[in-house]
Amino acid sequence: MSKTKYSEKAQEKIGEVMHEFKEGSLRSSSGKKVTNRKQAIAIGISEAKEAGLKVPKQKK
């Protein structure tokens, strides 16, 4: 089974977002505080994609 590969920069970006989540300062696009870990990861991946970093496609 192969693991999903993210670029180093993408991993750093997701790490920054998770740090915000742990501090309690991460907000969703609607302005509400993010309390779900999976949602925080999704936001990190989304931001990495927007920045043009290497993020693999989602498995279906």
C-alpha atoms as a PDB file:
ATOM      1  CA  MET A   1       0.000   0.000   0.000  1.00  0.00           C
ATOM      2  CA  SER A   2       1.487   3.333  -1.023  1.00  0.00           C
ATOM      3  CA  LYS A   3       1.288   6.418   1.163  1.00  0.00           C
ATOM      4  CA  THR A   4       0.118   9.732  -0.248  1.00  0.00           C
ATOM      5  CA  LYS A   5       3.089  11.991  -1.067  1.00  0.00           C
ATOM      6  CA  TYR A   6       2.953  15.695  -0.324  1.00  0.00           C
ATOM      7  CA  SER A   7       5.781  18.099  -1.124  1.00  0.00           C
ATOM      8  CA  GLU A   8       7.866  19.448   1.774  1.00  0.00           C
ATOM      9  CA  LYS A   9       6.375  22.938   1.362  1.00  0.00           C
ATOM     10  CA  ALA A  10       2.838  21.499   1.352  1.00  0.00           C
ATOM     11  CA  GLN A  11       3.594  19.603   4.566  1.00  0.00           C
ATOM     12  CA  GLU A  12       4.886  22.807   6.144  1.00  0.00           C
ATOM     13  CA  LYS A  13       1.725  24.693   5.103  1.00  0.00           C
ATOM     14  CA  ILE A  14      -0.538  21.995   6.541  1.00  0.00           C
ATOM     15  CA  GLY A  15       1.593  22.016   9.715  1.00  0.00           C
ATOM     16  CA  GLU A  16       1.125  25.782  10.087  1.00  0.00           C
ATOM     17  CA  VAL A  17      -2.642  25.410   9.767  1.00  0.00           C
ATOM     18  CA  MET A  18      -2.677  22.584  12.323  1.00  0.00           C
ATOM     19  CA  HIS A  19      -0.674  24.794  14.701  1.00  0.00           C
ATOM     20  CA  GLU A  20      -3.357  27.492  14.357  1.00  0.00           C
ATOM     21  CA  PHE A  21      -6.015  24.834  14.995  1.00  0.00           C
ATOM     22  CA  LYS A  22      -4.273  23.657  18.181  1.00  0.00           C
ATOM     23  CA  GLU A  23      -3.960  27.260  19.400  1.00  0.00           C
ATOM     24  CA  GLY A  24      -7.674  27.765  18.729  1.00  0.00           C
ATOM     25  CA  SER A  25      -7.153  30.622  16.272  1.00  0.00           C
ATOM     26  CA  LEU A  26      -8.109  28.782  13.046  1.00  0.00           C
ATOM     27  CA  ARG A  27     -11.293  30.101  11.445  1.00  0.00           C
ATOM     28  CA  SER A  28     -13.328  28.712   8.550  1.00  0.00           C
ATOM     29  CA  SER A  29     -14.344  30.812   5.562  1.00  0.00           C
ATOM     30  CA  SER A  30     -17.601  31.698   7.332  1.00  0.00           C
ATOM     31  CA  GLY A  31     -15.600  33.111  10.254  1.00  0.00           C
ATOM     32  CA  LYS A  32     -16.531  30.396  12.748  1.00  0.00           C
ATOM     33  CA  LYS A  33     -13.859  28.720  14.886  1.00  0.00           C
ATOM     34  CA  VAL A  34     -12.772  25.313  13.555  1.00  0.00           C
ATOM     35  CA  THR A  35     -13.236  22.568  16.171  1.00  0.00           C
ATOM     36  CA  ASN A  36     -12.940  19.482  13.952  1.00  0.00           C
ATOM     37  CA  ARG A  37      -9.431  18.082  13.281  1.00  0.00           C
ATOM     38  CA  LYS A  38     -10.408  16.669   9.860  1.00  0.00           C
ATOM     39  CA  GLN A  39     -11.812  20.039   8.830  1.00  0.00           C
ATOM     40  CA  ALA A  40      -8.538  21.701   9.876  1.00  0.00           C
ATOM     41  CA  ILE A  41      -6.555  19.263   7.715  1.00  0.00           C
ATOM     42  CA  ALA A  42      -8.898  19.929   4.780  1.00  0.00           C
ATOM     43  CA  ILE A  43      -8.323  23.676   5.164  1.00  0.00           C
ATOM     44  CA  GLY A  44      -4.551  23.109   5.200  1.00  0.00           C
ATOM     45  CA  ILE A  45      -4.666  21.004   2.027  1.00  0.00           C
ATOM     46  CA  SER A  46      -6.904  23.576   0.358  1.00  0.00           C
ATOM     47  CA  GLU A  47      -4.524  26.424   1.218  1.00  0.00           C
ATOM     48  CA  ALA A  48      -1.574  24.389  -0.064  1.00  0.00           C
ATOM     49  CA  LYS A  49      -3.390  23.815  -3.379  1.00  0.00           C
ATOM     50  CA  GLU A  50      -4.170  27.525  -3.684  1.00  0.00           C
ATOM     51  CA  ALA A  51      -0.475  28.299  -3.149  1.00  0.00           C
ATOM     52  CA  GLY A  52       0.353  25.979  -6.065  1.00  0.00           C
ATOM     53  CA  LEU A  53       2.146  23.385  -3.947  1.00  0.00           C
ATOM     54  CA  LYS A  54       2.313  19.689  -4.883  1.00  0.00           C
ATOM     55  CA  VAL A  55      -0.762  18.012  -3.419  1.00  0.00           C
ATOM     56  CA  PRO A  56      -1.963  14.641  -4.779  1.00  0.00           C
ATOM     57  CA  LYS A  57      -5.496  14.239  -6.082  1.00  0.00           C
ATOM     58  CA  GLN A  58      -8.149  12.936  -3.681  1.00  0.00           C
ATOM     59  CA  LYS A  59      -8.872   9.204  -3.932  1.00  0.00           C
ATOM     60  CA  LYS A  60     -12.447   8.325  -4.785  1.00  0.00           C
END
